[in-house]
């Protein structure tokens, strides 16, 4: 599962060592990151506050699959 998170400036500074160690996440503008669940769990364990903007599961979608095709 992936989570889109946003940090305040001070919390981002606290989170960076954990993010560098636990996530190959994506960095977006305005202190926003796309992180895996392991990184999110480590941030929570460290008491770092952040806002979860969105969550996405790893479940495959059916986009691009035609009617009657095997998935």
Protein backbone atom coordinates (compact mmCIF):
# COMPACT_ATOMS: atom_id res chain seq x y z
CA UNK A 1 0.00 0.00 0.00
CA UNK A 2 1.21 3.51 -0.77
CA UNK A 3 0.31 6.68 1.10
CA UNK A 4 0.60 10.30 0.00
CA UNK A 5 1.74 12.29 3.03
CA UNK A 6 2.51 15.92 3.75
CA UNK A 7 4.76 17.27 6.49
CA UNK A 8 5.25 20.60 8.18
CA UNK A 9 8.76 21.99 7.77
CA UNK A 10 9.97 20.92 11.25
CA UNK A 11 8.42 17.45 10.97
CA UNK A 12 9.95 16.96 7.52
CA UNK A 13 13.39 17.63 9.01
CA UNK A 14 12.74 14.98 11.68
CA UNK A 15 11.34 12.53 9.10
CA UNK A 16 14.16 12.70 6.53
CA UNK A 17 16.54 10.26 8.26
CA UNK A 18 13.73 7.70 8.51
CA UNK A 19 12.64 8.28 4.93
CA UNK A 20 16.17 7.84 3.63
CA UNK A 21 16.50 4.57 5.54
CA UNK A 22 13.07 3.01 4.95
CA UNK A 23 11.58 4.25 1.71
CA UNK A 24 12.30 4.61 -1.95
CA UNK A 25 9.39 7.04 -1.95
CA UNK A 26 8.64 9.85 -4.34
CA UNK A 27 9.16 13.48 -3.36
CA UNK A 28 6.55 15.96 -4.59
CA UNK A 29 6.31 19.76 -4.13
CA UNK A 30 5.25 21.34 -0.82
CA UNK A 31 6.82 18.72 1.50
CA UNK A 32 4.60 15.98 0.04
CA UNK A 33 5.82 12.38 -0.28
CA UNK A 34 4.49 9.11 -1.69
CA UNK A 35 5.60 6.46 0.82
CA UNK A 36 5.18 2.74 1.36
CA UNK A 37 3.47 1.42 4.48
CA UNK A 38 6.75 0.40 6.13
CA UNK A 39 7.97 4.01 6.06
CA UNK A 40 4.62 5.28 7.35
CA UNK A 41 4.76 2.80 10.24
CA UNK A 42 8.31 3.88 11.14
CA UNK A 43 7.29 7.55 11.10
CA UNK A 44 4.39 6.81 13.44
CA UNK A 45 6.64 4.78 15.73
CA UNK A 46 9.04 7.76 15.91
CA UNK A 47 6.16 10.10 16.84
CA UNK A 48 6.47 12.20 13.68
CA UNK A 49 3.29 14.02 12.71
CA UNK A 50 2.10 14.18 9.13
CA UNK A 51 -1.09 14.53 7.15
CA UNK A 52 -2.21 11.56 5.03
CA UNK A 53 -3.65 12.97 1.82
CA UNK A 54 -4.40 9.69 0.05
CA UNK A 55 -3.92 5.92 0.21
CA UNK A 56 -3.57 3.50 -2.68
CA UNK A 57 -3.44 -0.28 -2.54
CA UNK A 58 -1.17 -2.48 -4.65
CA UNK A 59 -4.17 -4.38 -5.99
CA UNK A 60 -4.09 -4.47 -9.77
CA UNK A 61 -6.81 -2.63 -11.61
CA UNK A 62 -8.67 -3.80 -14.66
CA UNK A 63 -7.81 -0.77 -16.81
CA UNK A 64 -6.77 -1.82 -20.29
CA UNK A 65 -8.26 -5.31 -20.06
CA UNK A 66 -10.71 -6.06 -22.84
CA UNK A 67 -13.96 -7.94 -22.37
CA UNK A 68 -13.38 -11.70 -22.19
CA UNK A 69 -9.59 -11.43 -21.71
CA UNK A 70 -7.86 -13.34 -18.96
CA UNK A 71 -6.54 -11.18 -16.16
